Amino acid sequence: MQKMTEYMQIMYDRYRKDFTPEKQPEGEPDIINNLIMTALAPREYGCEEEMLEYVKNHPDASFEEVDAYFMSICSDFDLDSFDEK
């Protein structure tokens, strides 16, 4: 298992309480996958430093805002290729 980077630790500490089984909407995809993807994918796609800067500069950002920012800077992000890694 890889060691958590500073960015991953911030994501885990800040948002894990929002991703519990009790908060899983009926019939929705597994929401914990959203947290895992947004915490791990920036490292894989070379934008983790930019994401770290964003979360440090926006301590009150919602998870949805962080995720939207990630998707905006990784416009060529391909979910299928991430799943294959």
Protein backbone atom coordinates (compact mmCIF):
# COMPACT_ATOMS: atom_id res chain seq x y z
CA MET A 1 0.00 0.00 0.00
CA GLN A 2 1.31 3.44 -0.88
CA LYS A 3 2.00 6.00 1.82
CA MET A 4 -0.45 8.89 1.90
CA THR A 5 0.85 12.13 0.49
CA GLU A 6 0.05 15.44 2.16
CA TYR A 7 -2.77 16.02 -0.33
CA MET A 8 -4.25 12.55 0.25
CA GLN A 9 -4.10 13.06 4.03
CA ILE A 10 -5.91 16.41 3.77
CA MET A 11 -8.61 14.84 1.60
CA TYR A 12 -9.03 11.93 4.01
CA ASP A 13 -9.11 14.10 7.13
CA ARG A 14 -11.39 16.73 5.65
CA TYR A 15 -13.97 14.66 3.78
CA ARG A 16 -14.09 11.10 5.17
CA LYS A 17 -17.02 11.97 7.46
CA ASP A 18 -19.08 12.81 4.36
CA PHE A 19 -18.53 9.36 2.85
CA THR A 20 -20.13 6.89 5.22
CA PRO A 21 -22.50 4.04 4.33
CA GLU A 22 -25.31 5.90 6.09
CA LYS A 23 -24.94 8.78 3.64
CA GLN A 24 -25.02 6.48 0.58
CA PRO A 25 -28.12 7.39 -1.47
CA GLU A 26 -30.26 4.40 -2.45
CA GLY A 27 -29.47 3.28 -5.98
CA GLU A 28 -26.47 5.61 -6.39
CA PRO A 29 -22.99 4.41 -7.30
CA ASP A 30 -20.68 3.82 -4.35
CA ILE A 31 -19.91 7.36 -3.17
CA ILE A 32 -16.72 6.28 -1.42
CA ASN A 33 -15.28 5.70 -4.91
CA ASN A 34 -15.63 9.44 -5.57
CA LEU A 35 -13.46 10.25 -2.57
CA ILE A 36 -10.90 7.60 -3.46
CA MET A 37 -10.70 8.77 -7.07
CA THR A 38 -10.35 12.45 -6.17
CA ALA A 39 -7.71 11.64 -3.54
CA LEU A 40 -5.62 9.27 -5.70
CA ALA A 41 -6.09 10.33 -9.31
CA PRO A 42 -4.23 13.67 -9.13
CA ARG A 43 -1.01 11.83 -8.28
CA GLU A 44 -1.49 9.47 -11.22
CA TYR A 45 -2.24 12.32 -13.61
CA GLY A 46 0.51 14.67 -12.47
CA CYS A 47 -1.61 17.42 -10.94
CA GLU A 48 -1.32 16.59 -7.24
CA GLU A 49 0.77 19.68 -6.43
CA GLU A 50 -1.87 21.93 -7.97
CA MET A 51 -4.61 20.09 -6.07
CA LEU A 52 -2.65 20.42 -2.83
CA GLU A 53 -2.34 24.16 -3.38
CA TYR A 54 -6.07 24.37 -4.06
CA VAL A 55 -7.14 22.50 -0.91
CA LYS A 56 -4.71 24.50 1.23
CA ASN A 57 -6.00 27.79 -0.20
CA HIS A 58 -9.66 26.72 0.08
CA PRO A 59 -10.02 25.05 3.50
CA ASP A 60 -13.80 25.49 3.46
CA ALA A 61 -14.35 24.08 -0.03
CA SER A 62 -16.93 21.33 -0.25
CA PHE A 63 -15.93 17.99 -1.67
CA GLU A 64 -17.98 18.80 -4.77
CA GLU A 65 -15.96 22.00 -5.27
CA VAL A 66 -12.65 20.14 -4.93
CA ASP A 67 -13.84 17.45 -7.33
CA ALA A 68 -15.03 20.06 -9.85
CA TYR A 69 -11.68 21.84 -9.66
CA PHE A 70 -9.85 18.56 -10.25
CA MET A 71 -12.00 17.78 -13.27
CA SER A 72 -11.41 21.31 -14.64
CA ILE A 73 -7.62 21.02 -14.53
CA CYS A 74 -7.58 17.48 -15.87
CA SER A 75 -9.81 18.01 -18.89
CA ASP A 76 -8.29 14.97 -20.58
CA PHE A 77 -9.06 12.79 -17.56
CA ASP A 78 -10.35 9.38 -18.63
CA LEU A 79 -12.22 7.43 -15.94
CA ASP A 80 -11.89 4.18 -17.87
CA SER A 81 -8.09 4.39 -17.97
CA PHE A 82 -7.99 5.12 -14.21
CA ASP A 83 -10.05 1.99 -13.50
CA GLU A 84 -7.59 -0.13 -15.47
CA LYS A 85 -4.57 0.92 -13.35
